[in-house]
Amino acid sequence: MNFSNSIIQWYLKHKRDLPWRDTLDPYKIWLSEIILQQTRVEQGLPYYLKFTDAFPTITDLANASEDIVLKHWQGLGYYSRARNLHHSAQTVRDRFQGRFPSSYSEIISLKGVGEYTAAAIASFSYNLPHAVVDGNVIRVISRVFGVLDPVDSMFGLGEVKSIAARELDLERPALHNQAIMEFGALQCVPVNPNCRDCPLSGVCYAKKMEVVKEIPLKSKKTAVKNLFLYYAVVKYKNGLFVKRRDSEGIWKGLYDFPVLESETPILEEQVLSFFNKEYALSNQAVLTDISPAYRHLLSHRKIEARFFRFEVNNIPSFSLDKANWFSVDKILEKGVPRLIERYFEAINLYK
């Protein structure tokens, strides 16, 4: 079996028309790879077009403020990707004089760039012989070649990487890598793969042994934890008090409200008592609304949020945990988590 030739021939017939496949510009290829981490192509494509329009070059991205970058990223989630993207753009501007590095070792030195992304950029932009290993590639190789060790273990993943490097077409590494990734995305999918029309079905271990559903094997799952958020939304005139999350966490750099966080539900009376104690809201603010629960699911968090809305007639003298007043127009210029965006939609902040 010529594994590489089989998937390349399949790819040439079935590949999707995607803009980052029509360029050798490493900046645009890097941008697409970062956006597509943890994101489906259908969801990521509009963001790619939005970023390339707003920041045509890597220097344009480097010169933008972090707030602007996060605003353009809003809704994609995993915001550390956007912060790392911005940081690395500044590194390319300052360390590499605005020219994207062309060696694997320099590419992987950029913040937020791991082995897979470095291999993808090196091969797609410069046709360097580095095998890509992402989730799609892991699934294809595990099924076809019969990798029976858990792929989330060091040994199992090492076996996949070894096979990927061995089967790489050294004369056409870019085409090979694009082909195997697309093959996993469209043909050898996680659930109900199209084995009947698969060009590799005759040699596929998983198909022959009837274990397609079981492979790739995994030894563990990430525990999903509950997180309950109780927000204090303080309205003054045509604006709200919001704060930037500067501490490490899922929404670092984004804006939301003063919040009480808990791993277990808290009664309304206890929430109000906390707000009054911490922010002295009972002295100057009037409670006007308590929202229903807003649920938001992340890979490792199941979030339930409620919003306690207050109104004040004067700039409050009490502390709101470093929150500052912004007009609605200014708030809409800032990056916020999707959860907050949904609340803004519900209260017609976008009208």
Protein backbone atom coordinates (compact mmCIF):
# COMPACT_ATOMS: atom_id res chain seq x y z
CA MET A 1 0.00 0.00 0.00
CA ASN A 2 1.21 3.50 -0.84
CA PHE A 3 -0.58 5.26 1.98
CA SER A 4 0.51 8.76 0.99
CA ASN A 5 -0.41 8.40 -2.66
CA SER A 6 -3.84 7.00 -1.75
CA ILE A 7 -4.82 9.92 0.46
CA ILE A 8 -3.32 12.49 -1.93
CA GLN A 9 -5.40 11.10 -4.82
CA TRP A 10 -8.48 11.20 -2.58
CA TYR A 11 -7.64 14.77 -1.53
CA LEU A 12 -7.31 16.07 -5.07
CA LYS A 13 -10.87 14.91 -5.76
CA HIS A 14 -12.57 15.89 -2.49
CA LYS A 15 -10.72 18.84 -0.92
CA ARG A 16 -12.66 21.88 0.20
CA ASP A 17 -11.97 25.29 -1.31
CA LEU A 18 -10.54 27.22 1.64
CA PRO A 19 -8.74 30.59 1.38
CA TRP A 20 -5.68 29.60 3.41
CA ARG A 21 -4.99 26.83 0.89
CA ASP A 22 -4.53 29.40 -1.88
CA THR A 23 -1.54 31.09 -0.29
CA LEU A 24 2.01 30.38 0.82
CA ASP A 25 1.99 33.40 3.14
CA PRO A 26 3.09 31.97 6.51
CA TYR A 27 1.25 34.73 8.38
CA LYS A 28 -2.11 33.73 6.89
CA ILE A 29 -1.41 30.03 7.30
CA TRP A 30 -0.39 30.57 10.93
CA LEU A 31 -3.51 32.67 11.52
CA SER A 32 -5.76 29.96 10.08
CA GLU A 33 -4.11 27.25 12.18
CA ILE A 34 -4.52 29.20 15.41
CA ILE A 35 -8.16 29.99 14.64
CA LEU A 36 -8.90 26.35 13.76
CA GLN A 37 -7.53 25.04 17.07
CA GLN A 38 -10.62 23.84 18.95
CA THR A 39 -12.82 25.38 16.21
CA ARG A 40 -14.69 23.91 13.25
CA VAL A 41 -13.84 25.21 9.79
CA GLU A 42 -17.39 26.52 9.29
CA GLN A 43 -17.15 28.59 12.46
CA GLY A 44 -13.55 29.69 11.96
CA LEU A 45 -13.76 30.83 8.33
CA PRO A 46 -15.63 34.11 9.02
CA TYR A 47 -13.08 34.96 11.74
CA TYR A 48 -10.18 34.27 9.38
CA LEU A 49 -11.69 36.62 6.80
CA LYS A 50 -12.39 39.23 9.49
CA PHE A 51 -8.81 39.07 10.80
CA THR A 52 -7.15 39.22 7.39
CA ASP A 53 -9.33 42.19 6.50
CA ALA A 54 -8.63 44.07 9.76
CA PHE A 55 -4.96 43.04 9.96
CA PRO A 56 -3.64 42.42 6.41
CA THR A 57 -0.08 41.87 7.63
CA ILE A 58 1.47 40.48 10.76
CA THR A 59 2.80 43.95 11.56
CA ASP A 60 -0.75 45.32 11.45
CA LEU A 61 -1.74 42.67 13.98
CA ALA A 62 1.28 43.42 16.16
CA ASN A 63 0.52 47.15 16.20
CA ALA A 64 -3.12 46.69 17.22
CA SER A 65 -4.10 46.91 20.89
CA GLU A 66 -4.92 43.72 22.75
CA ASP A 67 -8.46 45.01 23.33
CA ILE A 68 -9.02 45.34 19.57
CA VAL A 69 -7.61 41.85 18.91
CA LEU A 70 -9.82 40.31 21.60
CA LYS A 71 -12.85 42.17 20.22
CA HIS A 72 -12.25 40.62 16.79
CA TRP A 73 -11.86 37.21 18.48
CA GLN A 74 -15.08 37.58 20.47
CA GLY A 75 -17.23 34.46 20.24
CA LEU A 76 -14.46 32.01 19.27
CA GLY A 77 -13.60 31.05 22.85
CA TYR A 78 -10.27 29.84 24.24
CA TYR A 79 -9.12 33.46 24.39
CA SER A 80 -5.56 32.55 25.29
CA ARG A 81 -5.21 31.77 21.58
CA ALA A 82 -5.89 35.42 20.72
CA ARG A 83 -3.54 36.72 23.39
CA ASN A 84 -0.78 34.37 22.22
CA LEU A 85 -1.48 35.35 18.60
CA HIS A 86 -1.00 39.02 19.46
CA HIS A 87 2.12 38.33 21.53
CA SER A 88 3.71 36.28 18.75
CA ALA A 89 2.89 38.93 16.14
CA GLN A 90 4.81 41.42 18.28
CA THR A 91 7.69 38.93 18.56
CA VAL A 92 7.85 38.62 14.77
CA ARG A 93 7.77 42.40 14.44
CA ASP A 94 10.47 43.02 17.05
CA ARG A 95 12.71 39.95 16.80
CA PHE A 96 12.34 38.98 13.14
CA GLN A 97 11.89 42.48 11.66
CA GLY A 98 8.33 41.70 10.64
CA ARG A 99 9.24 38.65 8.52
CA PHE A 100 7.65 35.39 9.64
CA PRO A 101 10.41 32.88 10.56
CA SER A 102 11.11 30.15 8.02
CA SER A 103 12.66 27.37 10.10
CA TYR A 104 10.80 24.87 12.27
CA SER A 105 12.88 25.72 15.35
CA GLU A 106 12.13 29.44 15.05
CA ILE A 107 8.46 28.88 14.29
CA ILE A 108 7.94 26.65 17.32
CA SER A 109 9.61 29.26 19.54
CA LEU A 110 6.60 31.55 19.04
CA LYS A 111 4.15 31.67 21.92
CA GLY A 112 1.11 29.46 21.38
CA VAL A 113 2.78 27.43 18.62
CA GLY A 114 3.22 23.74 19.38
CA GLU A 115 4.59 20.83 17.41
CA TYR A 116 1.53 20.43 15.20
CA THR A 117 1.18 24.13 14.30
CA ALA A 118 4.92 24.50 13.66
CA ALA A 119 4.88 21.44 11.36
CA ALA A 120 1.83 22.75 9.52
CA ILE A 121 3.34 26.19 8.88
CA ALA A 122 6.75 24.76 7.97
CA SER A 123 5.27 22.34 5.45
CA PHE A 124 2.44 24.46 4.01
CA SER A 125 4.51 27.64 3.61
CA TYR A 126 7.99 26.28 2.97
CA ASN A 127 7.33 22.63 1.95
CA LEU A 128 9.61 21.41 4.74
CA PRO A 129 9.37 17.67 5.60
CA HIS A 130 7.62 17.83 8.98
CA ALA A 131 4.63 15.53 9.56
CA VAL A 132 1.55 17.13 11.09
CA VAL A 133 -0.17 15.30 13.93
CA ASP A 134 -3.54 16.72 14.95
CA GLY A 135 -6.73 15.00 16.06
CA ASN A 136 -7.70 14.08 12.51
CA VAL A 137 -4.28 12.60 11.77
CA ILE A 138 -4.25 10.66 15.04
CA ARG A 139 -7.61 9.10 14.18
CA VAL A 140 -6.63 8.13 10.61
CA ILE A 141 -3.28 6.61 11.56
CA SER A 142 -4.68 4.81 14.60
CA ARG A 143 -7.42 3.17 12.56
CA VAL A 144 -5.44 2.37 9.42
CA PHE A 145 -2.28 1.09 11.13
CA GLY A 146 -3.87 -0.38 14.24
CA VAL A 147 -2.44 1.74 17.06
CA LEU A 148 -3.79 -0.07 20.10
CA ASP A 149 -2.24 2.02 22.86
CA PRO A 150 -4.22 5.00 24.23
CA VAL A 151 -3.37 8.02 22.09
CA ASP A 152 -3.55 10.27 25.14
CA SER A 153 -0.59 8.36 26.59
CA MET A 154 3.03 9.16 25.83
CA PHE A 155 3.61 5.74 24.27
CA GLY A 156 0.48 5.74 22.09
CA LEU A 157 1.02 9.28 20.82
CA GLY A 158 4.68 8.48 20.20
CA GLU A 159 3.66 5.52 18.06
CA VAL A 160 1.32 7.72 16.00
CA LYS A 161 4.05 10.33 15.49
CA SER A 162 6.51 7.66 14.42
CA ILE A 163 4.11 6.29 11.80
CA ALA A 164 3.21 9.80 10.61
CA ALA A 165 6.89 10.61 10.04
CA ARG A 166 7.54 7.26 8.35
CA GLU A 167 4.63 7.62 5.92
CA LEU A 168 5.27 11.29 5.05
CA ASP A 169 5.87 11.94 1.35
CA LEU A 170 9.23 13.70 1.56
CA GLU A 171 8.90 15.13 -1.94
CA ARG A 172 5.38 16.49 -1.35
CA PRO A 173 5.11 17.10 2.41
CA ALA A 174 2.72 20.05 2.10
CA LEU A 175 0.31 18.13 -0.13
CA HIS A 176 0.58 15.00 2.02
CA ASN A 177 -0.15 16.91 5.23
CA GLN A 178 -3.12 18.73 3.73
CA ALA A 179 -4.43 15.41 2.40
CA ILE A 180 -4.27 13.42 5.63
CA MET A 181 -5.86 16.24 7.65
CA GLU A 182 -8.69 16.64 5.14
CA PHE A 183 -9.13 12.87 4.97
CA GLY A 184 -9.70 12.79 8.72
CA ALA A 185 -12.01 15.79 8.62
CA LEU A 186 -14.26 14.55 5.82
CA GLN A 187 -13.81 10.78 5.32
CA CYS A 188 -12.43 9.11 8.44
CA VAL A 189 -14.62 11.10 10.83
CA PRO A 190 -15.06 10.28 14.54
CA VAL A 191 -18.60 8.89 14.28
CA ASN A 192 -20.02 6.89 11.36
CA PRO A 193 -17.05 7.21 8.97
CA ASN A 194 -17.71 6.37 5.32
CA CYS A 195 -15.80 3.09 5.28
CA ARG A 196 -17.67 1.74 2.25
CA ASP A 197 -16.21 4.38 -0.10
CA CYS A 198 -12.85 4.67 1.66
CA PRO A 199 -9.78 4.10 -0.55
CA LEU A 200 -8.01 2.56 2.46
CA SER A 201 -10.78 0.19 3.55
CA GLY A 202 -8.97 -2.83 2.12
CA VAL A 203 -5.90 -2.30 4.32
CA CYS A 204 -7.45 -0.54 7.34
CA TYR A 205 -6.84 -2.45 10.59
CA ALA A 206 -9.93 -1.01 12.32
CA LYS A 207 -12.19 -1.93 9.41
CA LYS A 208 -10.78 -5.46 9.12
CA MET A 209 -11.06 -6.08 12.87
CA GLU A 210 -14.46 -4.31 13.11
CA VAL A 211 -13.26 -1.92 15.81
CA VAL A 212 -13.72 1.39 13.96
CA LYS A 213 -15.91 2.76 16.76
CA GLU A 214 -13.34 1.89 19.43
CA ILE A 215 -10.24 3.39 17.75
CA PRO A 216 -8.48 5.64 18.60
CA LEU A 217 -8.31 4.44 22.19
CA LYS A 218 -8.22 6.93 25.04
CA SER A 219 -7.37 6.28 28.66
CA LYS A 220 -9.00 9.23 30.34
CA LYS A 221 -11.44 12.07 29.96
CA THR A 222 -11.12 15.60 31.26
CA ALA A 223 -13.40 16.08 34.25
CA VAL A 224 -16.03 18.76 33.62
CA LYS A 225 -16.52 20.96 36.67
CA ASN A 226 -19.54 23.08 37.53
CA LEU A 227 -19.04 26.82 37.91
CA PHE A 228 -21.78 29.16 39.14
CA LEU A 229 -21.38 32.87 38.40
CA TYR A 230 -23.42 35.62 40.05
CA TYR A 231 -22.84 39.00 38.39
CA ALA A 232 -23.49 42.46 39.80
CA VAL A 233 -24.65 44.56 36.85
CA VAL A 234 -24.70 48.20 37.98
CA LYS A 235 -26.35 50.66 35.58
CA TYR A 236 -25.74 54.39 35.70
CA LYS A 237 -27.29 56.59 33.01
CA ASN A 238 -26.48 55.17 29.55
CA GLY A 239 -23.77 52.84 30.71
CA LEU A 240 -22.65 50.05 32.99
CA PHE A 241 -19.79 49.28 35.33
CA VAL A 242 -17.54 46.64 33.77
CA LYS A 243 -14.09 45.30 34.60
CA ARG A 244 -11.26 43.74 32.66
CA ARG A 245 -10.18 40.27 33.74
CA ASP A 246 -6.44 40.63 34.25
CA SER A 247 -5.89 37.47 36.27
CA GLU A 248 -5.16 34.12 34.64
CA GLY A 249 -8.24 32.22 33.56
CA ILE A 250 -10.52 31.34 30.69
CA TRP A 251 -11.51 34.95 29.97
CA LYS A 252 -8.29 36.82 30.73
CA GLY A 253 -8.23 40.18 28.96
CA LEU A 254 -12.01 40.26 28.36
CA TYR A 255 -14.58 42.46 30.07
CA ASP A 256 -17.41 41.38 32.34
CA PHE A 257 -18.92 42.47 35.67
CA PRO A 258 -18.01 42.17 39.35
CA VAL A 259 -18.79 38.56 40.14
CA LEU A 260 -19.25 36.02 42.88
CA GLU A 261 -17.97 32.61 41.75
CA SER A 262 -18.84 29.27 43.32
CA GLU A 263 -18.61 25.56 42.56
CA THR A 264 -22.07 25.06 44.10
CA PRO A 265 -25.34 27.01 43.72
CA ILE A 266 -25.96 29.97 46.05
CA LEU A 267 -29.35 31.27 47.16
CA GLU A 268 -30.44 34.70 45.93
CA GLU A 269 -30.52 36.06 49.47
CA GLN A 270 -26.93 34.99 50.03
CA VAL A 271 -25.81 36.54 46.75
CA LEU A 272 -27.44 39.84 47.64
CA SER A 273 -25.91 39.70 51.09
CA PHE A 274 -22.47 39.22 49.51
CA PHE A 275 -22.98 42.16 47.13
CA ASN A 276 -24.14 44.40 49.96
CA LYS A 277 -21.22 43.40 52.15
CA GLU A 278 -18.54 43.68 49.42
CA TYR A 279 -19.89 46.63 47.45
CA ALA A 280 -22.36 48.34 49.81
CA LEU A 281 -24.99 48.21 47.07
CA SER A 282 -27.91 48.44 49.48
CA ASN A 283 -26.89 52.01 50.40
CA GLN A 284 -27.13 53.62 46.96
CA ALA A 285 -28.37 51.06 44.43
CA VAL A 286 -31.83 49.73 43.59
CA LEU A 287 -32.21 46.10 42.52
CA THR A 288 -34.26 46.12 39.31
CA ASP A 289 -33.92 42.60 37.93
CA ILE A 290 -32.56 39.11 38.56
CA SER A 291 -32.07 37.21 35.34
CA PRO A 292 -32.90 33.58 34.69
CA ALA A 293 -29.95 31.20 34.49
CA TYR A 294 -27.68 31.45 31.47
CA ARG A 295 -25.87 28.19 30.73
CA HIS A 296 -22.58 27.98 28.88
CA LEU A 297 -20.56 24.83 28.22
CA LEU A 298 -16.79 24.78 27.80
CA SER A 299 -14.59 21.72 27.37
CA HIS A 300 -13.76 21.65 31.10
CA ARG A 301 -16.45 23.88 32.61
CA LYS A 302 -20.22 23.75 32.83
CA ILE A 303 -21.13 27.34 33.62
CA GLU A 304 -24.41 28.68 34.97
CA ALA A 305 -24.66 32.45 35.35
CA ARG A 306 -27.26 34.84 36.75
CA PHE A 307 -27.22 38.60 36.48
CA PHE A 308 -28.36 40.85 39.34
CA ARG A 309 -29.09 44.26 37.84
CA PHE A 310 -28.94 47.42 39.94
CA GLU A 311 -29.47 51.08 39.09
CA VAL A 312 -27.83 54.12 40.69
CA ASN A 313 -28.64 57.80 40.24
CA ASN A 314 -25.15 59.04 41.00
CA ILE A 315 -21.62 57.81 40.44
CA PRO A 316 -21.33 55.42 43.39
CA SER A 317 -18.78 56.08 46.08
CA PHE A 318 -18.47 52.39 46.94
CA SER A 319 -15.94 49.96 45.48
CA LEU A 320 -16.97 47.65 42.64
CA ASP A 321 -13.85 45.49 42.56
CA LYS A 322 -11.95 47.69 40.06
CA ALA A 323 -14.94 48.03 37.74
CA ASN A 324 -15.22 51.30 35.82
CA TRP A 325 -18.17 53.02 34.22
CA PHE A 326 -18.33 52.94 30.42
CA SER A 327 -21.03 54.21 28.11
CA VAL A 328 -22.86 51.57 26.08
CA ASP A 329 -20.98 52.62 22.92
CA LYS A 330 -17.63 52.09 24.63
CA ILE A 331 -18.69 48.74 26.09
CA LEU A 332 -19.68 47.50 22.63
CA GLU A 333 -16.13 48.21 21.43
CA LYS A 334 -14.67 45.84 24.02
CA GLY A 335 -14.21 42.09 23.88
CA VAL A 336 -16.58 40.18 26.12
CA PRO A 337 -17.19 36.45 26.70
CA ARG A 338 -19.99 34.92 24.66
CA LEU A 339 -21.95 34.47 27.90
CA ILE A 340 -21.93 38.25 28.49
CA GLU A 341 -22.77 38.87 24.84
CA ARG A 342 -25.88 36.71 25.22
CA TYR A 343 -26.93 38.77 28.25
CA PHE A 344 -26.37 41.99 26.29
CA GLU A 345 -28.60 40.61 23.55
CA ALA A 346 -31.31 39.80 26.09
CA ILE A 347 -31.35 43.31 27.59
CA ASN A 348 -31.17 44.92 24.12
CA LEU A 349 -27.81 46.55 24.70
CA TYR A 350 -27.13 46.22 20.96
CA LYS A 351 -30.27 48.09 19.89
